């Protein structure tokens, strides 16, 4: 392409292929050019798709009250944002606390083991994504993803997330974005109630007419987006009692595996292991084993920490997180095994019960929030770990040595063991100096709240199940996309509320 024809350019996509000894960078470039037709014969050149988000509400059913959004994780955040941008002035209910208080509550739990059941890693402003790596990677081809990324940049994320192969924000970066996004919704007429749990609803003629907020009472409601997150089992059970149809779905459980980040850099990048443009390195592994189950890595956190992620008292739950610079000494990832009703038994809530029983069993080992741990090599060999010689665990509340072979359900333990041996063949040294920490049970919901494929309404009209907790997404970006989708569906049915109803 001649310089004379090039008017402007920007990076649309940057990716790295480190699967072989030679590390390759790949770029997709957006270019504005004179005489574009003369370049289209090149097979590597095409007209760029229009990714600009446009939407006009077309609903005509009168709303006499603000639409309500339950939950201010990624799904609820972007549902509320779009409703506010379109003049619908939503009311946002969040059972947890505002982000500053929530951060204090989480750090107190990590430092002292004092758990607030309503303000923790799972519940509160920002949702579970606020205390994670802030990973934005998605396989979704939905063009609404561009809207999500552009809004995140507008509220403070690095513009690099618009083109990175594996974009991330980090826990510290996510906090300031959530604050700015809330301020924008309020500026546009939205309202918030924190420490306000949605715990009941009234239904008349198969339509929602009111909802109850703990410690606040009843309010009239015609339109409700429920984005409660994957840990709100009490909300799920209440919705089922109120007539929302649901079904069980496969989910996954497992452990966190922790390595020295230097080892991961070397294993993935070989002679480029010290290249500052490539580190900290990440990995992704998957294996189908003899139990006919898939075992896979999930939520890989380079330069991160294994964290205590309990939301209910007397349970042990772990997760992973990184700060934006990903500079910690260790890397960690979930190693998860697929679970279905062949494991849990029949019943709508059998999966929830299965998860909760495992979490309580981990707590009952010490009657504390110390996490069960074992060296990966010891687990494979079936021996008890007695001390850590090399890598040290980052889980903040202490540990108890166990043999996961006898603690985990037999099919889960067998599947993990076979997969670890397979991963060792793919990545030599993978189990040599690695630590397993349990239990990881909150990667996805075991329940799906049914909704109409077109209107996105549940079997109770006016209710829009949304995001991870409803079984329709699995991460920050897909949850945010589903929040936009549900907000659009609501606005395609309901007209804006009157001025009197939002005053």
Protein backbone atom coordinates (compact mmCIF):
# COMPACT_ATOMS: atom_id res chain seq x y z
CA UNK A 1 0.00 0.00 0.00
CA UNK A 2 1.37 3.40 -0.94
CA UNK A 3 1.79 6.08 1.69
CA UNK A 4 -0.16 8.46 -0.52
CA UNK A 5 -3.27 6.28 -0.25
CA UNK A 6 -3.06 5.71 3.52
CA UNK A 7 -5.19 8.25 5.40
CA UNK A 8 -5.16 6.70 8.89
CA UNK A 9 -4.66 3.38 10.61
CA UNK A 10 -5.06 1.66 13.99
CA UNK A 11 -4.53 -1.79 15.47
CA UNK A 12 -7.76 -3.81 15.41
CA UNK A 13 -6.38 -7.07 16.82
CA UNK A 14 -3.02 -8.20 18.20
CA UNK A 15 -2.30 -11.82 19.05
CA UNK A 16 0.65 -13.99 19.95
CA UNK A 17 1.27 -17.59 18.86
CA UNK A 18 3.79 -19.24 21.20
CA UNK A 19 2.81 -22.86 20.55
CA UNK A 20 6.08 -23.63 18.80
CA UNK A 21 9.68 -22.66 19.40
CA UNK A 22 9.22 -19.60 17.23
CA UNK A 23 7.03 -16.89 18.78
CA UNK A 24 4.89 -15.08 16.21
CA UNK A 25 2.98 -11.82 16.50
CA UNK A 26 -0.13 -11.38 14.38
CA UNK A 27 -1.85 -8.07 13.69
CA UNK A 28 -5.11 -7.05 12.06
CA UNK A 29 -4.96 -3.39 11.04
CA UNK A 30 -7.84 -1.04 10.36
CA UNK A 31 -6.86 1.38 7.62
CA UNK A 32 -8.67 4.26 5.98
CA UNK A 33 -7.43 4.56 2.41
CA UNK A 34 -8.01 6.37 -0.82
CA UNK A 35 -9.21 4.18 -3.69
CA UNK A 36 -10.06 1.11 -1.54
CA UNK A 37 -11.24 -0.93 -4.52
CA UNK A 38 -7.73 -1.33 -5.91
CA UNK A 39 -6.64 -3.17 -2.74
CA UNK A 40 -9.58 -5.58 -2.38
CA UNK A 41 -8.11 -8.12 -4.79
CA UNK A 42 -5.55 -8.94 -2.09
CA UNK A 43 -6.93 -11.97 -0.13
CA UNK A 44 -5.61 -10.46 3.12
CA UNK A 45 -7.63 -7.27 2.66
CA UNK A 46 -11.37 -6.83 3.18
CA UNK A 47 -13.87 -4.13 3.98
CA UNK A 48 -13.95 -3.66 7.74
CA UNK A 49 -17.29 -4.57 9.32
CA UNK A 50 -19.31 -1.80 10.93
CA UNK A 51 -19.03 -2.50 14.67
CA UNK A 52 -20.72 0.67 15.85
CA UNK A 53 -23.46 -0.13 18.36
CA UNK A 54 -26.81 1.42 17.51
CA UNK A 55 -30.14 0.77 19.15
CA UNK A 56 -33.55 2.46 19.30
CA UNK A 57 -36.16 1.23 21.80
CA UNK A 58 -39.50 0.29 20.27
CA UNK A 59 -41.53 -0.83 23.28
CA UNK A 60 -45.05 0.52 23.72
CA UNK A 61 -46.32 -1.08 26.94
CA UNK A 62 -46.56 1.72 29.53
CA UNK A 63 -44.24 1.57 32.55
CA UNK A 64 -45.64 3.22 35.66
CA UNK A 65 -42.47 2.49 37.68
CA UNK A 66 -38.73 2.43 37.12
CA UNK A 67 -37.45 -0.85 35.70
CA UNK A 68 -35.48 -2.69 38.38
CA UNK A 69 -32.09 -4.36 37.92
CA UNK A 70 -31.11 -6.86 40.61
CA UNK A 71 -27.34 -7.28 40.92
CA UNK A 72 -24.50 -4.96 39.92
CA UNK A 73 -22.03 -7.44 38.50
CA UNK A 74 -21.15 -7.25 34.78
CA UNK A 75 -24.63 -8.32 33.62
CA UNK A 76 -26.47 -5.88 35.85
CA UNK A 77 -23.95 -3.11 35.24
CA UNK A 78 -24.40 -3.09 31.49
CA UNK A 79 -28.14 -3.68 31.63
CA UNK A 80 -28.50 -0.67 33.93
CA UNK A 81 -26.11 1.42 31.85
CA UNK A 82 -28.03 0.89 28.60
CA UNK A 83 -31.38 1.46 30.31
CA UNK A 84 -30.04 4.74 31.71
CA UNK A 85 -28.58 5.80 28.36
CA UNK A 86 -31.99 5.26 26.75
CA UNK A 87 -33.81 7.32 29.39
CA UNK A 88 -35.37 4.46 31.43
CA UNK A 89 -33.87 5.62 34.78
CA UNK A 90 -33.44 2.16 36.35
CA UNK A 91 -33.42 1.30 40.04
CA UNK A 92 -30.44 -0.97 40.82
CA UNK A 93 -30.62 -3.29 43.83
CA UNK A 94 -27.43 -4.90 45.14
CA UNK A 95 -27.46 -7.23 48.14
CA UNK A 96 -23.82 -6.41 48.83
CA UNK A 97 -22.08 -3.17 49.68
CA UNK A 98 -20.61 -0.29 47.69
CA UNK A 99 -17.13 -0.99 46.39
CA UNK A 100 -15.08 0.82 49.05
CA UNK A 101 -16.86 -0.84 51.97
CA UNK A 102 -16.88 -4.13 50.09
CA UNK A 103 -13.14 -3.94 49.56
CA UNK A 104 -12.65 -3.41 53.28
CA UNK A 105 -14.90 -6.38 54.06
CA UNK A 106 -13.04 -8.63 51.63
CA UNK A 107 -9.62 -7.67 52.96
CA UNK A 108 -10.79 -8.19 56.55
CA UNK A 109 -11.88 -11.70 55.58
CA UNK A 110 -8.56 -12.42 53.89
CA UNK A 111 -6.57 -11.08 56.83
CA UNK A 112 -8.66 -12.13 59.82
CA UNK A 113 -11.08 -14.79 58.59
CA UNK A 114 -14.12 -12.65 59.45
CA UNK A 115 -16.72 -13.26 56.73
CA UNK A 116 -19.58 -10.88 55.95
CA UNK A 117 -22.20 -13.09 54.23
CA UNK A 118 -23.60 -10.14 52.28
CA UNK A 119 -20.40 -8.27 51.38
CA UNK A 120 -17.63 -10.51 50.10
CA UNK A 121 -15.84 -11.79 47.00
CA UNK A 122 -19.15 -12.93 45.48
CA UNK A 123 -21.60 -10.20 46.55
CA UNK A 124 -21.39 -6.45 46.21
CA UNK A 125 -20.81 -3.64 43.75
CA UNK A 126 -18.94 -5.03 40.74
CA UNK A 127 -19.97 -8.65 41.28
CA UNK A 128 -17.55 -11.55 41.45
CA UNK A 129 -15.55 -10.01 38.60
CA UNK A 130 -14.37 -7.20 40.86
CA UNK A 131 -12.05 -9.62 42.70
CA UNK A 132 -10.67 -11.63 39.82
CA UNK A 133 -8.14 -11.13 37.06
CA UNK A 134 -10.64 -8.99 35.20
CA UNK A 135 -10.28 -11.23 32.17
CA UNK A 136 -12.28 -10.06 29.15
CA UNK A 137 -11.41 -12.88 26.73
CA UNK A 138 -14.49 -14.27 25.03
CA UNK A 139 -15.30 -16.60 22.16
CA UNK A 140 -18.52 -14.71 21.49
CA UNK A 141 -18.77 -13.12 18.04
CA UNK A 142 -21.60 -10.85 19.20
CA UNK A 143 -20.92 -7.29 18.03
CA UNK A 144 -22.21 -6.03 21.38
CA UNK A 145 -18.80 -7.05 22.76
CA UNK A 146 -17.35 -3.97 21.08
CA UNK A 147 -19.88 -1.80 22.93
CA UNK A 148 -18.77 -3.41 26.21
CA UNK A 149 -15.07 -2.83 25.54
CA UNK A 150 -15.54 0.75 24.36
CA UNK A 151 -17.57 1.59 27.46
CA UNK A 152 -14.91 0.02 29.70
CA UNK A 153 -12.27 2.19 28.01
CA UNK A 154 -14.48 5.26 28.42
CA UNK A 155 -14.72 4.53 32.14
CA UNK A 156 -11.00 4.09 32.63
CA UNK A 157 -9.70 0.81 31.14
CA UNK A 158 -6.62 0.85 28.94
CA UNK A 159 -7.41 1.28 25.21
CA UNK A 160 -5.26 -1.83 24.66
CA UNK A 161 -8.23 -4.03 25.62
CA UNK A 162 -9.80 -3.08 22.28
CA UNK A 163 -7.25 -5.14 20.38
CA UNK A 164 -5.46 -7.50 22.78
CA UNK A 165 -5.80 -11.25 22.27
CA UNK A 166 -6.33 -11.83 25.99
CA UNK A 167 -7.50 -8.48 27.38
CA UNK A 168 -7.67 -8.03 31.13
CA UNK A 169 -8.22 -5.22 33.61
CA UNK A 170 -7.08 -6.57 36.97
CA UNK A 171 -8.79 -6.22 40.32
CA UNK A 172 -7.35 -2.77 40.97
CA UNK A 173 -8.36 -1.52 37.54
CA UNK A 174 -11.88 -2.90 37.77
CA UNK A 175 -12.67 -0.95 40.95
CA UNK A 176 -12.25 2.51 39.41
CA UNK A 177 -14.24 1.48 36.33
CA UNK A 178 -17.17 0.27 38.43
CA UNK A 179 -17.21 3.56 40.32
CA UNK A 180 -17.23 5.63 37.13
CA UNK A 181 -19.94 3.48 35.56
CA UNK A 182 -22.18 3.88 38.63
CA UNK A 183 -21.71 7.66 38.52
CA UNK A 184 -22.75 7.71 34.87
CA UNK A 185 -25.95 5.77 35.60
CA UNK A 186 -26.80 8.15 38.45
CA UNK A 187 -26.06 11.18 36.24
CA UNK A 188 -28.56 9.80 33.71
CA UNK A 189 -31.29 9.41 36.34
CA UNK A 190 -30.70 5.92 37.71
CA UNK A 191 -30.85 5.14 41.42
CA UNK A 192 -29.04 2.60 43.61
CA UNK A 193 -29.77 0.71 46.80
CA UNK A 194 -26.85 -1.23 48.30
CA UNK A 195 -27.06 -3.70 51.18
CA UNK A 196 -30.54 -4.33 49.78
CA UNK A 197 -31.35 -7.98 49.08
CA UNK A 198 -34.25 -8.85 46.77
CA UNK A 199 -35.89 -11.68 48.72
CA UNK A 200 -39.51 -11.97 47.57
CA UNK A 201 -41.87 -11.05 44.74
CA UNK A 202 -45.59 -10.83 44.09
CA UNK A 203 -47.08 -12.30 40.94
CA UNK A 204 -50.60 -11.64 39.62
CA UNK A 205 -52.01 -13.21 36.45
CA UNK A 206 -48.52 -14.58 35.73
CA UNK A 207 -46.95 -11.13 35.79
CA UNK A 208 -44.65 -9.54 38.34
CA UNK A 209 -46.38 -6.70 40.19
CA UNK A 210 -44.11 -6.05 43.17
CA UNK A 211 -40.87 -7.11 44.81
CA UNK A 212 -39.65 -7.11 48.38
CA UNK A 213 -36.30 -5.66 49.48
CA UNK A 214 -34.93 -6.89 52.78
CA UNK A 215 -35.04 -4.09 55.37
CA UNK A 216 -36.76 -1.79 52.84
CA UNK A 217 -40.18 -3.35 52.21
CA UNK A 218 -42.30 -3.80 49.09
CA UNK A 219 -42.13 -1.71 45.92
CA UNK A 220 -44.28 -1.89 42.78
CA UNK A 221 -42.47 -3.41 39.80
CA UNK A 222 -43.53 -4.27 36.25
CA UNK A 223 -40.11 -4.93 34.69
CA UNK A 224 -37.28 -6.75 36.44
CA UNK A 225 -33.86 -7.83 35.17
CA UNK A 226 -32.40 -10.43 37.54
CA UNK A 227 -28.60 -10.55 37.27
CA UNK A 228 -27.87 -11.99 40.69
CA UNK A 229 -24.65 -13.87 39.93
CA UNK A 230 -23.81 -17.55 40.20
CA UNK A 231 -23.60 -17.76 44.01
CA UNK A 232 -27.05 -16.48 45.00
CA UNK A 233 -28.59 -19.91 45.62
CA UNK A 234 -31.14 -18.43 48.05
CA UNK A 235 -32.44 -16.14 45.29
CA UNK A 236 -32.63 -19.02 42.83
CA UNK A 237 -34.66 -21.13 45.26
CA UNK A 238 -37.03 -18.23 45.96
CA UNK A 239 -37.61 -17.59 42.25
CA UNK A 240 -38.44 -21.24 41.75
CA UNK A 241 -41.03 -21.05 44.54
CA UNK A 242 -42.58 -18.04 42.79
CA UNK A 243 -43.16 -19.95 39.58
CA UNK A 244 -40.13 -19.28 37.37
CA UNK A 245 -39.40 -22.42 35.40
CA UNK A 246 -35.84 -23.72 35.63
CA UNK A 247 -33.71 -26.65 34.58
CA UNK A 248 -30.51 -28.17 35.85
CA UNK A 249 -27.43 -27.86 33.65
CA UNK A 250 -23.87 -29.24 33.63
CA UNK A 251 -21.29 -27.32 35.61
CA UNK A 252 -17.75 -27.96 36.87
CA UNK A 253 -15.80 -28.33 40.09
CA UNK A 254 -12.14 -28.82 40.91
CA UNK A 255 -9.12 -27.16 42.47
CA UNK A 256 -6.68 -24.32 41.87
CA UNK A 257 -3.22 -25.28 40.66
CA UNK A 258 -0.40 -22.90 41.52
CA UNK A 259 3.03 -22.66 39.84
CA UNK A 260 6.02 -20.38 39.98
CA UNK A 261 5.42 -17.81 37.23
CA UNK A 262 9.05 -18.10 36.13
CA UNK A 263 8.47 -21.79 35.38
CA UNK A 264 5.35 -20.96 33.33
CA UNK A 265 7.31 -18.33 31.37
CA UNK A 266 10.02 -20.87 30.59
CA UNK A 267 7.64 -23.69 29.76
CA UNK A 268 5.54 -21.57 27.40
CA UNK A 269 8.11 -19.26 25.84
CA UNK A 270 11.40 -21.21 25.93
CA UNK A 271 14.20 -18.87 24.82
CA UNK A 272 11.82 -15.89 24.90
CA UNK A 273 11.03 -16.45 28.58
CA UNK A 274 12.47 -13.07 29.59
CA UNK A 275 10.92 -11.07 26.76
CA UNK A 276 9.05 -8.20 28.49
CA UNK A 277 6.56 -8.05 25.60
CA UNK A 278 5.46 -11.64 26.28
CA UNK A 279 5.60 -12.16 30.03
CA UNK A 280 3.96 -13.08 32.28
CA UNK A 281 3.03 -16.08 30.13
CA UNK A 282 -0.26 -17.94 30.37
CA UNK A 283 -1.43 -21.41 29.40
CA UNK A 284 -4.61 -23.26 28.53
CA UNK A 285 -4.95 -27.03 28.78
CA UNK A 286 -7.77 -29.49 28.23
CA UNK A 287 -8.08 -33.28 28.27
CA UNK A 288 -10.83 -35.87 27.94
CA UNK A 289 -10.07 -38.77 30.29
CA UNK A 290 -11.21 -42.37 30.74
CA UNK A 291 -14.19 -41.32 32.88
CA UNK A 292 -15.53 -39.61 29.71
CA UNK A 293 -15.22 -36.27 31.44
CA UNK A 294 -13.49 -33.18 30.18
CA UNK A 295 -10.88 -31.64 32.45
CA UNK A 296 -9.68 -28.15 31.62
CA UNK A 297 -7.93 -25.06 32.92
CA UNK A 298 -10.07 -22.01 33.54
CA UNK A 299 -9.54 -18.44 34.72
CA UNK A 300 -5.75 -18.63 34.45
CA UNK A 301 -4.19 -15.80 36.48
CA UNK A 302 -0.58 -15.01 35.54
CA UNK A 303 1.30 -13.26 38.32
CA UNK A 304 -1.65 -13.68 40.65
CA UNK A 305 -3.00 -15.08 43.89
CA UNK A 306 -5.30 -17.85 45.07
CA UNK A 307 -7.97 -16.14 47.18
CA UNK A 308 -10.63 -17.09 49.71
CA UNK A 309 -13.97 -16.70 47.92
CA UNK A 310 -16.58 -17.96 50.39
CA UNK A 311 -19.92 -16.17 50.57
CA UNK A 312 -21.71 -18.46 53.02
CA UNK A 313 -20.47 -19.07 56.58
CA UNK A 314 -18.72 -22.35 57.32
CA UNK A 315 -17.69 -23.03 53.71
CA UNK A 316 -14.33 -22.99 51.95
CA UNK A 317 -14.32 -21.76 48.35
CA UNK A 318 -11.26 -20.66 46.38
CA UNK A 319 -10.78 -18.52 43.30
CA UNK A 320 -7.93 -16.73 41.53
CA UNK A 321 -7.16 -13.07 40.93
CA UNK A 322 -4.44 -10.78 39.64
CA UNK A 323 -3.76 -7.09 39.86
CA UNK A 324 -3.39 -5.16 36.62
CA UNK A 325 0.42 -5.47 36.51
CA UNK A 326 0.31 -9.27 37.07
CA UNK A 327 3.59 -8.99 38.95
CA UNK A 328 3.18 -11.60 41.72
CA UNK A 329 5.61 -14.53 41.89
CA UNK A 330 3.06 -17.27 41.29
CA UNK A 331 0.61 -18.18 38.55
CA UNK A 332 -2.61 -20.04 39.21
CA UNK A 333 -5.52 -21.52 37.31
CA UNK A 334 -8.60 -23.54 38.07
CA UNK A 335 -8.44 -27.19 37.04
CA UNK A 336 -12.06 -28.18 36.57
CA UNK A 337 -13.92 -31.41 35.91
CA UNK A 338 -17.26 -31.49 34.12
CA UNK A 339 -20.15 -32.47 36.39
CA UNK A 340 -23.70 -33.51 35.48
CA UNK A 341 -26.60 -35.44 36.97
CA UNK A 342 -24.71 -38.72 36.66
CA UNK A 343 -22.59 -37.29 39.50
CA UNK A 344 -25.11 -35.27 41.47
CA UNK A 345 -28.20 -37.44 41.09
CA UNK A 346 -31.56 -36.21 39.76
CA UNK A 347 -33.37 -33.12 40.92
CA UNK A 348 -33.38 -29.44 40.04
CA UNK A 349 -31.22 -28.43 42.99
CA UNK A 350 -29.01 -31.53 43.11
CA UNK A 351 -26.12 -29.58 41.61
CA UNK A 352 -26.43 -26.77 44.14
CA UNK A 353 -26.54 -29.30 46.97
CA UNK A 354 -23.48 -31.08 45.53
CA UNK A 355 -21.49 -27.83 45.46
CA UNK A 356 -22.54 -26.77 48.94
CA UNK A 357 -21.78 -30.18 50.48
CA UNK A 358 -18.24 -30.06 49.13
CA UNK A 359 -17.72 -26.49 50.38
CA UNK A 360 -18.96 -27.41 53.86
CA UNK A 361 -16.82 -30.56 53.89
CA UNK A 362 -13.72 -28.45 53.19
CA UNK A 363 -14.60 -26.16 56.11
CA UNK A 364 -15.28 -29.10 58.43
CA UNK A 365 -11.70 -30.34 58.02
CA UNK A 366 -10.55 -27.66 60.48
CA UNK A 367 -13.73 -25.72 61.32
CA UNK A 368 -12.00 -22.71 59.84
CA UNK A 369 -11.44 -21.03 56.47
CA UNK A 370 -8.07 -22.73 56.04
CA UNK A 371 -7.99 -24.39 52.62
CA UNK A 372 -7.18 -28.04 51.87
CA UNK A 373 -3.88 -28.32 49.95
CA UNK A 374 -1.62 -30.98 48.44
CA UNK A 375 1.36 -30.99 46.12
CA UNK A 376 0.29 -32.00 42.62
CA UNK A 377 2.96 -34.69 42.47
CA UNK A 378 1.84 -36.13 45.82
CA UNK A 379 -1.76 -36.20 44.61
CA UNK A 380 -0.76 -38.14 41.50
CA UNK A 381 1.30 -40.56 43.61
CA UNK A 382 -1.39 -40.89 46.29
CA UNK A 383 0.71 -39.71 49.25
CA UNK A 384 0.06 -37.03 51.86
CA UNK A 385 1.99 -33.76 51.59
CA UNK A 386 3.83 -32.81 54.78
CA UNK A 387 5.50 -29.54 53.78
CA UNK A 388 6.16 -27.16 50.90
CA UNK A 389 9.82 -26.97 49.88
CA UNK A 390 9.78 -24.81 46.75
CA UNK A 391 6.78 -22.78 45.69
CA UNK A 392 4.78 -21.34 48.58
CA UNK A 393 0.98 -21.03 48.48
CA UNK A 394 -0.64 -17.60 48.20
CA UNK A 395 -4.02 -18.48 49.72
CA UNK A 396 -4.25 -16.00 52.61
CA UNK A 397 -5.98 -17.90 55.42
CA UNK A 398 -3.69 -20.87 55.94
CA UNK A 399 -3.98 -24.49 54.90
CA UNK A 400 -4.48 -28.06 56.00
CA UNK A 401 -2.73 -30.95 54.27
CA UNK A 402 -5.09 -33.57 52.88
CA UNK A 403 -5.13 -36.21 50.17
CA UNK A 404 -7.54 -35.02 47.50
CA UNK A 405 -7.82 -38.65 46.36
CA UNK A 406 -9.92 -39.37 49.45
CA UNK A 407 -11.52 -35.94 49.87
CA UNK A 408 -12.93 -35.34 46.38
CA UNK A 409 -15.68 -37.55 44.94
CA UNK A 410 -13.88 -40.59 43.41
CA UNK A 411 -14.78 -39.80 39.79
CA UNK A 412 -13.53 -36.21 40.20
CA UNK A 413 -10.25 -37.33 41.79
CA UNK A 414 -9.69 -39.98 39.12
CA UNK A 415 -10.40 -37.50 36.33
CA UNK A 416 -8.05 -34.88 37.79
CA UNK A 417 -5.25 -37.39 38.27
CA UNK A 418 -5.43 -38.67 34.68
CA UNK A 419 -5.59 -35.13 33.34
CA UNK A 420 -2.57 -33.99 35.36
CA UNK A 421 -0.52 -36.86 33.94
CA UNK A 422 -1.61 -35.87 30.44
CA UNK A 423 -0.76 -32.22 31.09
CA UNK A 424 2.68 -33.31 32.31
CA UNK A 425 3.28 -34.92 28.94
CA UNK A 426 2.24 -31.75 27.13
CA UNK A 427 4.09 -29.35 29.46
CA UNK A 428 7.04 -31.11 31.13
CA UNK A 429 7.35 -30.12 34.78
CA UNK A 430 3.68 -29.21 35.12
CA UNK A 431 3.25 -31.31 38.28
CA UNK A 432 6.82 -31.23 39.63
CA UNK A 433 6.53 -28.20 41.90
CA UNK A 434 2.86 -27.27 41.86
CA UNK A 435 0.31 -26.89 44.64
CA UNK A 436 -3.36 -27.89 44.50
CA UNK A 437 -5.78 -25.83 46.63
CA UNK A 438 -9.47 -26.60 47.05
CA UNK A 439 -12.24 -26.28 46.49
CA UNK A 440 -13.15 -24.44 43.29
CA UNK A 441 -16.92 -24.79 42.97
CA UNK A 442 -18.20 -21.44 41.67
CA UNK A 443 -16.98 -21.37 38.09
CA UNK A 444 -20.53 -21.63 36.72
CA UNK A 445 -24.14 -22.08 37.72
CA UNK A 446 -25.76 -25.51 37.95
CA UNK A 447 -29.18 -23.95 37.19
CA UNK A 448 -30.65 -22.25 34.13
CA UNK A 449 -33.70 -20.02 34.59
CA UNK A 450 -35.75 -20.59 31.45
CA UNK A 451 -36.60 -17.63 29.27
CA UNK A 452 -38.34 -17.14 25.94
CA UNK A 453 -35.82 -17.10 23.09
CA UNK A 454 -37.35 -13.99 21.54
CA UNK A 455 -38.67 -11.86 24.40
CA UNK A 456 -36.06 -13.13 26.91
CA UNK A 457 -38.81 -13.09 29.55
CA UNK A 458 -39.11 -15.86 32.12
CA UNK A 459 -42.27 -17.87 32.61
CA UNK A 460 -43.38 -15.01 34.88
CA UNK A 461 -43.92 -12.08 32.53
CA UNK A 462 -41.91 -8.93 33.09
CA UNK A 463 -38.96 -10.87 34.55
CA UNK A 464 -35.75 -11.07 32.53
CA UNK A 465 -33.23 -13.67 33.82
CA UNK A 466 -29.73 -12.46 33.00
CA UNK A 467 -26.07 -13.44 33.17
CA UNK A 468 -24.15 -16.16 34.99
CA UNK A 469 -26.60 -16.76 37.81
CA UNK A 470 -29.41 -17.40 35.33
CA UNK A 471 -27.22 -19.78 33.35
CA UNK A 472 -26.67 -17.67 30.23
CA UNK A 473 -23.03 -16.59 30.42
CA UNK A 474 -19.65 -17.50 31.82
CA UNK A 475 -17.39 -14.52 32.36
CA UNK A 476 -17.24 -10.74 32.49
CA UNK A 477 -17.68 -10.06 28.77
CA UNK A 478 -20.42 -12.61 28.05
CA UNK A 479 -22.30 -11.48 31.16
CA UNK A 480 -22.05 -7.85 30.07
CA UNK A 481 -23.30 -8.79 26.59
CA UNK A 482 -26.23 -10.62 28.13
CA UNK A 483 -26.98 -7.56 30.24
CA UNK A 484 -27.20 -5.45 27.08
CA UNK A 485 -29.33 -8.11 25.43
CA UNK A 486 -31.80 -8.23 28.34
CA UNK A 487 -32.02 -4.44 28.55
CA UNK A 488 -32.80 -4.27 24.82
CA UNK A 489 -35.47 -6.96 25.18
CA UNK A 490 -37.07 -5.04 28.05
CA UNK A 491 -37.06 -1.79 26.04
CA UNK A 492 -38.49 -3.58 22.99
CA UNK A 493 -41.54 -4.41 25.13
CA UNK A 494 -41.90 -1.52 27.59
CA UNK A 495 -42.01 2.21 26.89
CA UNK A 496 -40.04 4.64 29.06
CA UNK A 497 -41.47 5.25 32.53
CA UNK A 498 -43.30 8.54 33.03
CA UNK A 499 -41.51 11.47 34.61
CA UNK A 500 -43.74 11.22 37.68
CA UNK A 501 -42.75 7.60 38.30
CA UNK A 502 -39.03 8.37 38.43
CA UNK A 503 -39.20 11.44 40.65
